[in-house]
Amino acid sequence: MAMVTWAGKGIGSVLALVLVSGLTGCDYWPPALQTQIEQLRSELQTVTAEKAQYQTQLASIAKVKDDLQAQVDDLNRSNRDKSTMIASLQSNVTALQERLNKSSKATTAKASAAKVPAKTAVKGPAGKKPVPKKTSTR
């Protein structure tokens, strides 16, 4: 049992020493560890600067995207208006062509009605040809 008490006292004193040095803030850092810490700090600063730069670029790109989206919306609206106008013009052209065709048919019918009586008066009996005279040779 004597060994247990000495071992328990040794572990207790080591723990007390660690606790006291932890609370007092031991400032000893090995040089290799200090170098690593400084390297990590500089990398952190570099990454932070890059992050700020990327965030600035992202904001700029988002603004450009919004501007382009507004242009696309305007062009779509204009395209719909132009499509409506084209459809209206096409229907107007179709209606005018129908009116032109009707008036052409009416004019043609009037002209042919006026020409038909004049042609029938000039023509002779239908289906008869004049018979040529035979001359006798003696």
N, C-alpha and C. Protein backbone atom coordinates (compact mmCIF):
# COMPACT_ATOMS: atom_id res chain seq x y z
N MET A 1 0.79 -1.16 0.00
CA MET A 1 0.00 0.00 0.00
C MET A 1 0.85 1.26 0.00
N ALA A 2 2.02 1.17 0.45
CA ALA A 2 2.91 2.31 0.49
C ALA A 2 3.20 2.78 -0.91
N MET A 3 3.25 1.89 -1.83
CA MET A 3 3.52 2.26 -3.20
C MET A 3 2.35 3.02 -3.82
N VAL A 4 1.20 2.68 -3.45
CA VAL A 4 0.02 3.32 -3.98
C VAL A 4 -0.02 4.76 -3.51
N THR A 5 0.33 5.04 -2.33
CA THR A 5 0.27 6.39 -1.84
C THR A 5 1.33 7.26 -2.49
N TRP A 6 2.51 6.69 -2.71
CA TRP A 6 3.55 7.46 -3.38
C TRP A 6 3.14 7.71 -4.84
N ALA A 7 2.57 6.75 -5.48
CA ALA A 7 2.14 6.91 -6.88
C ALA A 7 0.99 7.90 -6.95
N GLY A 8 0.07 7.83 -6.06
CA GLY A 8 -1.06 8.75 -6.02
C GLY A 8 -0.61 10.16 -5.75
N LYS A 9 0.37 10.30 -4.84
CA LYS A 9 0.90 11.62 -4.55
C LYS A 9 1.64 12.18 -5.76
N GLY A 10 2.35 11.34 -6.51
CA GLY A 10 3.12 11.79 -7.68
C GLY A 10 2.19 12.25 -8.80
N ILE A 11 1.15 11.51 -9.02
CA ILE A 11 0.18 11.87 -10.07
C ILE A 11 -0.56 13.13 -9.67
N GLY A 12 -0.88 13.24 -8.42
CA GLY A 12 -1.58 14.42 -7.92
C GLY A 12 -0.73 15.66 -8.06
N SER A 13 0.56 15.52 -7.73
CA SER A 13 1.43 16.70 -7.82
C SER A 13 1.65 17.10 -9.28
N VAL A 14 1.73 16.15 -10.19
CA VAL A 14 1.90 16.47 -11.62
C VAL A 14 0.64 17.18 -12.13
N LEU A 15 -0.49 16.68 -11.74
CA LEU A 15 -1.74 17.32 -12.15
C LEU A 15 -1.85 18.73 -11.58
N ALA A 16 -1.42 18.91 -10.39
CA ALA A 16 -1.47 20.23 -9.77
C ALA A 16 -0.53 21.18 -10.51
N LEU A 17 0.64 20.67 -10.89
CA LEU A 17 1.60 21.49 -11.62
C LEU A 17 1.04 21.89 -12.99
N VAL A 18 0.41 20.96 -13.69
CA VAL A 18 -0.20 21.24 -15.00
C VAL A 18 -1.33 22.26 -14.84
N LEU A 19 -2.10 22.09 -13.80
CA LEU A 19 -3.22 23.00 -13.56
C LEU A 19 -2.72 24.41 -13.24
N VAL A 20 -1.73 24.50 -12.44
CA VAL A 20 -1.18 25.81 -12.06
C VAL A 20 -0.54 26.47 -13.28
N SER A 21 0.20 25.71 -14.09
CA SER A 21 0.85 26.32 -15.25
C SER A 21 -0.19 26.69 -16.31
N GLY A 22 -1.27 25.95 -16.37
CA GLY A 22 -2.34 26.28 -17.31
C GLY A 22 -3.06 27.55 -16.92
N LEU A 23 -3.26 27.74 -15.65
CA LEU A 23 -3.95 28.92 -15.17
C LEU A 23 -3.07 30.17 -15.23
N THR A 24 -1.80 30.00 -15.07
CA THR A 24 -0.90 31.15 -15.10
C THR A 24 -0.57 31.55 -16.53
N GLY A 25 -0.84 30.70 -17.51
CA GLY A 25 -0.59 31.04 -18.90
C GLY A 25 0.85 30.89 -19.28
N CYS A 26 1.29 29.71 -19.38
CA CYS A 26 2.67 29.43 -19.77
C CYS A 26 2.89 29.94 -21.18
N ASP A 27 3.92 30.79 -21.35
CA ASP A 27 4.17 31.40 -22.63
C ASP A 27 5.27 30.70 -23.41
N TYR A 28 5.67 29.56 -23.04
CA TYR A 28 6.74 28.89 -23.76
C TYR A 28 6.14 28.15 -24.95
N TRP A 29 6.65 28.47 -26.12
CA TRP A 29 6.29 27.77 -27.35
C TRP A 29 7.59 27.38 -28.03
N PRO A 30 7.68 26.17 -28.49
CA PRO A 30 8.90 25.78 -29.21
C PRO A 30 9.02 26.59 -30.51
N PRO A 31 10.22 26.86 -30.98
CA PRO A 31 10.41 27.68 -32.19
C PRO A 31 9.72 27.09 -33.42
N ALA A 32 9.73 25.79 -33.61
CA ALA A 32 9.08 25.18 -34.77
C ALA A 32 7.57 25.42 -34.72
N LEU A 33 7.01 25.33 -33.52
CA LEU A 33 5.58 25.55 -33.36
C LEU A 33 5.24 27.02 -33.61
N GLN A 34 6.11 27.93 -33.17
CA GLN A 34 5.88 29.35 -33.42
C GLN A 34 5.92 29.65 -34.92
N THR A 35 6.84 29.01 -35.63
CA THR A 35 6.95 29.20 -37.08
C THR A 35 5.67 28.71 -37.77
N GLN A 36 5.18 27.57 -37.33
CA GLN A 36 3.95 27.03 -37.90
C GLN A 36 2.76 27.96 -37.63
N ILE A 37 2.70 28.48 -36.43
CA ILE A 37 1.61 29.38 -36.07
C ILE A 37 1.65 30.64 -36.94
N GLU A 38 2.82 31.22 -37.12
CA GLU A 38 2.96 32.41 -37.95
C GLU A 38 2.59 32.12 -39.40
N GLN A 39 3.00 30.96 -39.89
CA GLN A 39 2.66 30.56 -41.26
C GLN A 39 1.14 30.41 -41.41
N LEU A 40 0.51 29.81 -40.43
CA LEU A 40 -0.94 29.64 -40.49
C LEU A 40 -1.66 31.00 -40.41
N ARG A 41 -1.13 31.91 -39.61
CA ARG A 41 -1.73 33.24 -39.51
C ARG A 41 -1.62 33.98 -40.84
N SER A 42 -0.45 33.90 -41.49
CA SER A 42 -0.29 34.59 -42.78
C SER A 42 -1.20 33.95 -43.84
N GLU A 43 -1.33 32.63 -43.82
CA GLU A 43 -2.24 31.96 -44.75
C GLU A 43 -3.68 32.37 -44.49
N LEU A 44 -4.03 32.51 -43.22
CA LEU A 44 -5.37 32.94 -42.86
C LEU A 44 -5.64 34.35 -43.38
N GLN A 45 -4.67 35.25 -43.25
CA GLN A 45 -4.83 36.61 -43.77
C GLN A 45 -4.98 36.60 -45.28
N THR A 46 -4.19 35.77 -45.96
CA THR A 46 -4.27 35.66 -47.42
C THR A 46 -5.64 35.15 -47.85
N VAL A 47 -6.09 34.12 -47.17
CA VAL A 47 -7.40 33.54 -47.50
C VAL A 47 -8.52 34.53 -47.20
N THR A 48 -8.39 35.28 -46.12
CA THR A 48 -9.41 36.29 -45.79
C THR A 48 -9.45 37.38 -46.86
N ALA A 49 -8.29 37.81 -47.34
CA ALA A 49 -8.23 38.83 -48.40
C ALA A 49 -8.85 38.28 -49.69
N GLU A 50 -8.53 37.03 -50.03
CA GLU A 50 -9.11 36.41 -51.23
C GLU A 50 -10.62 36.28 -51.10
N LYS A 51 -11.07 35.94 -49.91
CA LYS A 51 -12.52 35.81 -49.67
C LYS A 51 -13.21 37.16 -49.89
N ALA A 52 -12.62 38.23 -49.38
CA ALA A 52 -13.20 39.56 -49.58
C ALA A 52 -13.22 39.92 -51.06
N GLN A 53 -12.13 39.58 -51.76
CA GLN A 53 -12.07 39.86 -53.20
C GLN A 53 -13.15 39.07 -53.95
N TYR A 54 -13.32 37.81 -53.62
CA TYR A 54 -14.33 36.98 -54.27
C TYR A 54 -15.74 37.47 -53.95
N GLN A 55 -15.95 37.94 -52.74
CA GLN A 55 -17.27 38.47 -52.39
C GLN A 55 -17.56 39.74 -53.18
N THR A 56 -16.54 40.57 -53.39
CA THR A 56 -16.70 41.77 -54.20
C THR A 56 -17.03 41.40 -55.64
N GLN A 57 -16.30 40.41 -56.18
CA GLN A 57 -16.58 39.95 -57.54
C GLN A 57 -17.98 39.36 -57.64
N LEU A 58 -18.38 38.61 -56.63
CA LEU A 58 -19.71 38.01 -56.63
C LEU A 58 -20.80 39.08 -56.64
N ALA A 59 -20.60 40.13 -55.85
CA ALA A 59 -21.58 41.22 -55.82
C ALA A 59 -21.63 41.92 -57.18
N SER A 60 -20.47 42.11 -57.80
CA SER A 60 -20.42 42.75 -59.11
C SER A 60 -21.12 41.88 -60.16
N ILE A 61 -20.86 40.59 -60.12
CA ILE A 61 -21.47 39.67 -61.07
C ILE A 61 -22.98 39.60 -60.85
N ALA A 62 -23.42 39.64 -59.61
CA ALA A 62 -24.85 39.62 -59.32
C ALA A 62 -25.53 40.87 -59.88
N LYS A 63 -24.85 42.02 -59.79
CA LYS A 63 -25.40 43.26 -60.34
C LYS A 63 -25.50 43.17 -61.85
N VAL A 64 -24.46 42.64 -62.49
CA VAL A 64 -24.47 42.47 -63.95
C VAL A 64 -25.59 41.51 -64.34
N LYS A 65 -25.75 40.44 -63.57
CA LYS A 65 -26.82 39.47 -63.84
C LYS A 65 -28.19 40.13 -63.76
N ASP A 66 -28.39 40.96 -62.74
CA ASP A 66 -29.67 41.65 -62.60
C ASP A 66 -29.92 42.60 -63.77
N ASP A 67 -28.87 43.32 -64.19
CA ASP A 67 -29.00 44.22 -65.33
C ASP A 67 -29.36 43.44 -66.60
N LEU A 68 -28.67 42.33 -66.81
CA LEU A 68 -28.95 41.51 -68.00
C LEU A 68 -30.35 40.91 -67.94
N GLN A 69 -30.78 40.52 -66.76
CA GLN A 69 -32.14 39.97 -66.62
C GLN A 69 -33.18 41.04 -66.95
N ALA A 70 -32.93 42.26 -66.52
CA ALA A 70 -33.84 43.36 -66.84
C ALA A 70 -33.89 43.58 -68.36
N GLN A 71 -32.73 43.50 -69.02
CA GLN A 71 -32.69 43.65 -70.48
C GLN A 71 -33.46 42.51 -71.15
N VAL A 72 -33.28 41.30 -70.65
CA VAL A 72 -33.99 40.15 -71.22
C VAL A 72 -35.49 40.33 -71.07
N ASP A 73 -35.92 40.80 -69.90
CA ASP A 73 -37.35 41.04 -69.67
C ASP A 73 -37.89 42.09 -70.64
N ASP A 74 -37.11 43.18 -70.83
CA ASP A 74 -37.53 44.22 -71.77
C ASP A 74 -37.61 43.67 -73.19
N LEU A 75 -36.63 42.88 -73.58
CA LEU A 75 -36.63 42.31 -74.94
C LEU A 75 -37.78 41.32 -75.12
N ASN A 76 -38.09 40.55 -74.08
CA ASN A 76 -39.22 39.63 -74.18
C ASN A 76 -40.53 40.41 -74.34
N ARG A 77 -40.68 41.47 -73.58
CA ARG A 77 -41.88 42.31 -73.68
C ARG A 77 -41.98 42.91 -75.08
N SER A 78 -40.87 43.42 -75.57
CA SER A 78 -40.84 44.00 -76.92
C SER A 78 -41.15 42.94 -77.97
N ASN A 79 -40.62 41.74 -77.77
CA ASN A 79 -40.87 40.65 -78.71
C ASN A 79 -42.35 40.29 -78.74
N ARG A 80 -42.99 40.25 -77.57
CA ARG A 80 -44.43 39.97 -77.54
C ARG A 80 -45.21 41.06 -78.26
N ASP A 81 -44.82 42.32 -78.02
CA ASP A 81 -45.50 43.43 -78.69
C ASP A 81 -45.34 43.33 -80.21
N LYS A 82 -44.13 43.04 -80.65
CA LYS A 82 -43.87 42.92 -82.09
C LYS A 82 -44.62 41.74 -82.68
N SER A 83 -44.69 40.64 -81.96
CA SER A 83 -45.43 39.47 -82.45
C SER A 83 -46.91 39.80 -82.59
N THR A 84 -47.46 40.52 -81.62
CA THR A 84 -48.86 40.94 -81.70
C THR A 84 -49.08 41.85 -82.90
N MET A 85 -48.14 42.79 -83.10
CA MET A 85 -48.24 43.71 -84.22
C MET A 85 -48.15 42.96 -85.55
N ILE A 86 -47.25 41.99 -85.64
CA ILE A 86 -47.09 41.21 -86.86
C ILE A 86 -48.36 40.41 -87.15
N ALA A 87 -48.93 39.81 -86.13
CA ALA A 87 -50.17 39.04 -86.32
C ALA A 87 -51.30 39.95 -86.80
N SER A 88 -51.39 41.15 -86.22
CA SER A 88 -52.41 42.11 -86.63
C SER A 88 -52.21 42.53 -88.08
N LEU A 89 -50.97 42.82 -88.44
CA LEU A 89 -50.67 43.22 -89.82
C LEU A 89 -50.95 42.09 -90.80
N GLN A 90 -50.64 40.86 -90.41
CA GLN A 90 -50.92 39.73 -91.28
C GLN A 90 -52.42 39.56 -91.50
N SER A 91 -53.20 39.73 -90.44
CA SER A 91 -54.65 39.61 -90.61
C SER A 91 -55.17 40.75 -91.48
N ASN A 92 -54.61 41.97 -91.34
CA ASN A 92 -55.01 43.08 -92.20
C ASN A 92 -54.66 42.80 -93.65
N VAL A 93 -53.48 42.26 -93.90
CA VAL A 93 -53.07 41.93 -95.27
C VAL A 93 -54.00 40.88 -95.85
N THR A 94 -54.34 39.87 -95.07
CA THR A 94 -55.24 38.82 -95.55
C THR A 94 -56.61 39.41 -95.89
N ALA A 95 -57.13 40.28 -95.03
CA ALA A 95 -58.42 40.90 -95.29
C ALA A 95 -58.37 41.77 -96.54
N LEU A 96 -57.31 42.52 -96.71
CA LEU A 96 -57.17 43.36 -97.90
C LEU A 96 -57.03 42.52 -99.16
N GLN A 97 -56.32 41.41 -99.09
CA GLN A 97 -56.21 40.53 -100.25
C GLN A 97 -57.56 39.95 -100.62
N GLU A 98 -58.36 39.58 -99.62
CA GLU A 98 -59.70 39.05 -99.91
C GLU A 98 -60.57 40.13 -100.56
N ARG A 99 -60.48 41.35 -100.06
CA ARG A 99 -61.25 42.45 -100.66
C ARG A 99 -60.78 42.71 -102.08
N LEU A 100 -59.47 42.65 -102.31
CA LEU A 100 -58.92 42.85 -103.64
C LEU A 100 -59.39 41.75 -104.58
N ASN A 101 -59.37 40.51 -104.11
CA ASN A 101 -59.82 39.39 -104.94
C ASN A 101 -61.31 39.54 -105.26
N LYS A 102 -62.13 39.94 -104.28
CA LYS A 102 -63.56 40.12 -104.53
C LYS A 102 -63.81 41.23 -105.53
N SER A 103 -63.08 42.33 -105.38
CA SER A 103 -63.28 43.44 -106.31
C SER A 103 -62.76 43.08 -107.70
N SER A 104 -61.68 42.30 -107.77
CA SER A 104 -61.17 41.86 -109.08
C SER A 104 -62.17 40.93 -109.74
N LYS A 105 -62.77 40.03 -109.00
CA LYS A 105 -63.77 39.13 -109.56
C LYS A 105 -64.99 39.90 -110.02
N ALA A 106 -65.40 40.88 -109.24
CA ALA A 106 -66.56 41.68 -109.62
C ALA A 106 -66.26 42.48 -110.88
N THR A 107 -65.06 43.06 -110.98
CA THR A 107 -64.67 43.82 -112.16
C THR A 107 -64.56 42.89 -113.36
N THR A 108 -63.98 41.72 -113.17
CA THR A 108 -63.85 40.75 -114.25
C THR A 108 -65.23 40.27 -114.69
N ALA A 109 -66.13 40.03 -113.75
CA ALA A 109 -67.48 39.59 -114.10
C ALA A 109 -68.22 40.67 -114.87
N LYS A 110 -68.07 41.94 -114.48
CA LYS A 110 -68.72 43.04 -115.19
C LYS A 110 -68.14 43.18 -116.59
N ALA A 111 -66.84 43.07 -116.72
CA ALA A 111 -66.20 43.20 -118.03
C ALA A 111 -66.59 42.04 -118.93
N SER A 112 -66.62 40.84 -118.41
CA SER A 112 -66.99 39.69 -119.24
C SER A 112 -68.46 39.75 -119.61
N ALA A 113 -69.32 40.28 -118.73
CA ALA A 113 -70.75 40.42 -119.04
C ALA A 113 -70.94 41.44 -120.16
N ALA A 114 -70.15 42.47 -120.18
CA ALA A 114 -70.25 43.48 -121.23
C ALA A 114 -69.69 42.94 -122.55
N LYS A 115 -68.71 42.09 -122.53
CA LYS A 115 -68.08 41.57 -123.73
C LYS A 115 -68.89 40.43 -124.33
N VAL A 116 -69.56 39.67 -123.56
CA VAL A 116 -70.28 38.49 -124.04
C VAL A 116 -71.33 38.86 -125.08
N PRO A 117 -72.21 39.83 -124.91
CA PRO A 117 -73.19 40.13 -125.94
C PRO A 117 -72.53 40.64 -127.23
N ALA A 118 -71.49 41.35 -127.15
CA ALA A 118 -70.84 41.85 -128.35
C ALA A 118 -70.24 40.70 -129.14
N LYS A 119 -69.69 39.73 -128.55
CA LYS A 119 -69.07 38.60 -129.24
C LYS A 119 -70.14 37.73 -129.88
N THR A 120 -71.23 37.50 -129.25
CA THR A 120 -72.27 36.62 -129.81
C THR A 120 -72.93 37.27 -131.02
N ALA A 121 -73.01 38.55 -131.07
CA ALA A 121 -73.61 39.23 -132.21
C ALA A 121 -72.72 39.11 -133.44
N VAL A 122 -71.46 39.05 -133.30
CA VAL A 122 -70.53 38.99 -134.41
C VAL A 122 -70.47 37.59 -134.98
N LYS A 123 -70.64 36.61 -134.19
CA LYS A 123 -70.51 35.22 -134.63
C LYS A 123 -71.71 34.82 -135.47
N GLY A 124 -71.46 33.92 -136.38
CA GLY A 124 -72.53 33.40 -137.23
C GLY A 124 -73.10 32.15 -136.63
N PRO A 125 -73.89 31.40 -137.43
CA PRO A 125 -74.48 30.18 -136.92
C PRO A 125 -73.39 29.21 -136.52
N ALA A 126 -73.63 28.57 -135.47
CA ALA A 126 -72.63 27.67 -134.93
C ALA A 126 -72.66 26.35 -135.67
N GLY A 127 -71.50 25.76 -135.96
CA GLY A 127 -71.39 24.43 -136.53
C GLY A 127 -71.50 24.39 -138.06
N LYS A 128 -71.77 25.47 -138.82
CA LYS A 128 -71.89 25.44 -140.27
C LYS A 128 -70.70 26.13 -140.88
N LYS A 129 -70.14 25.47 -141.89
CA LYS A 129 -69.01 26.05 -142.60
C LYS A 129 -69.48 26.34 -144.03
N PRO A 130 -68.95 27.37 -144.63
CA PRO A 130 -69.34 27.61 -146.03
C PRO A 130 -68.82 26.48 -146.94
N VAL A 131 -69.62 26.07 -147.89
CA VAL A 131 -69.25 24.98 -148.82
C VAL A 131 -68.55 25.61 -150.02
N PRO A 132 -67.37 25.14 -150.36
CA PRO A 132 -66.69 25.70 -151.53
C PRO A 132 -67.35 25.18 -152.84
N LYS A 133 -67.31 26.00 -153.85
CA LYS A 133 -67.88 25.64 -155.14
C LYS A 133 -66.89 24.78 -155.91
N LYS A 134 -67.48 23.79 -156.64
CA LYS A 134 -66.63 22.93 -157.44
C LYS A 134 -66.56 23.48 -158.86
N THR A 135 -65.41 23.52 -159.35
CA THR A 135 -65.25 23.96 -160.73
C THR A 135 -64.96 22.74 -161.58
N SER A 136 -65.56 22.68 -162.74
CA SER A 136 -65.35 21.52 -163.60
C SER A 136 -64.22 21.81 -164.56
N THR A 137 -63.45 20.86 -164.78
CA THR A 137 -62.33 20.98 -165.71
C THR A 137 -62.59 20.07 -166.89
N ARG A 138 -62.79 20.58 -168.22
CA ARG A 138 -63.05 19.77 -169.40
C ARG A 138 -62.09 20.02 -170.44
